[in-house]
C-alpha atoms as a PDB file:
ATOM      1  CA  MET A   1     105.062  44.208 106.150  1.00  0.00           C
ATOM      2  CA  GLU A   2     101.464  44.178 104.820  1.00  0.00           C
ATOM      3  CA  LEU A   3     100.620  47.143 106.948  1.00  0.00           C
ATOM      4  CA  PHE A   4     103.497  49.154 105.564  1.00  0.00           C
ATOM      5  CA  LEU A   5     102.456  48.298 101.951  1.00  0.00           C
ATOM      6  CA  ILE A   6      98.815  49.310 102.642  1.00  0.00           C
ATOM      7  CA  SER A   7      99.887  52.597 104.241  1.00  0.00           C
ATOM      8  CA  LYS A   8     102.156  53.350 101.300  1.00  0.00           C
ATOM      9  CA  ILE A   9      99.385  52.737  98.792  1.00  0.00           C
ATOM     10  CA  ILE A  10      97.016  54.963 100.770  1.00  0.00           C
ATOM     11  CA  PHE A  11      99.660  57.691 100.912  1.00  0.00           C
ATOM     12  CA  VAL A  12     100.167  57.565  97.077  1.00  0.00           C
ATOM     13  CA  ILE A  13      96.438  57.804  96.515  1.00  0.00           C
ATOM     14  CA  GLY A  14      96.219  60.774  98.878  1.00  0.00           C
ATOM     15  CA  VAL A  15      99.043  62.550  97.085  1.00  0.00           C
ATOM     16  CA  VAL A  16      97.340  62.042  93.714  1.00  0.00           C
ATOM     17  CA  ILE A  17      94.034  63.423  95.039  1.00  0.00           C
ATOM     18  CA  ALA A  18      95.847  66.419  96.605  1.00  0.00           C
ATOM     19  CA  LEU A  19      97.631  67.244  93.338  1.00  0.00           C
ATOM     20  CA  TYR A  20      94.357  67.004  91.420  1.00  0.00           C
ATOM     21  CA  ALA A  21      92.691  69.377  93.859  1.00  0.00           C
ATOM     22  CA  VAL A  22      95.579  71.877  93.631  1.00  0.00           C
ATOM     23  CA  VAL A  23      95.422  71.837  89.755  1.00  0.00           C
ATOM     24  CA  ARG A  24      91.642  72.390  89.813  1.00  0.00           C
ATOM     25  CA  ASN A  25      92.026  75.291  92.328  1.00  0.00           C
ATOM     26  CA  LEU A  26      94.811  76.905  90.256  1.00  0.00           C
ATOM     27  CA  ASP A  27      92.442  77.358  87.346  1.00  0.00           C
ATOM     28  CA  ILE A  28      89.841  79.041  89.656  1.00  0.00           C
ATOM     29  CA  ILE A  29      92.515  81.232  91.294  1.00  0.00           C
ATOM     30  CA  ARG A  30      93.774  82.298  87.833  1.00  0.00           C
ATOM     31  CA  ILE A  31      90.257  83.340  86.797  1.00  0.00           C
ATOM     32  CA  ILE A  32      89.778  85.325  90.002  1.00  0.00           C
ATOM     33  CA  LEU A  33      93.142  87.120  89.548  1.00  0.00           C
ATOM     34  CA  ILE A  34      92.293  88.031  85.949  1.00  0.00           C
ATOM     35  CA  TYR A  35      88.875  89.403  87.149  1.00  0.00           C
ATOM     36  CA  TRP A  36      90.535  91.562  89.850  1.00  0.00           C
ATOM     37  CA  LYS A  37      93.162  92.868  87.387  1.00  0.00           C
ATOM     38  CA  ASP A  38      90.447  93.862  84.923  1.00  0.00           C
ATOM     39  CA  LEU A  39      88.403  95.468  87.712  1.00  0.00           C
ATOM     40  CA  ILE A  40      91.378  97.547  88.919  1.00  0.00           C
ATOM     41  CA  LEU A  41      92.624  98.597  85.510  1.00  0.00           C
ATOM     42  CA  ARG A  42      89.090  99.205  84.204  1.00  0.00           C
ATOM     43  CA  LYS A  43      89.571  97.475  80.856  1.00  0.00           C
END
């Protein structure tokens, strides 16, 4: 039972870290897409 609880806690921490990494990367991806759009449209 203890092992199940510990594995569940580790899983939740991993999900939180993964979501944080995705949110940080979405900001970077958005900046890159805006740069390419400006480069293509020559604004």
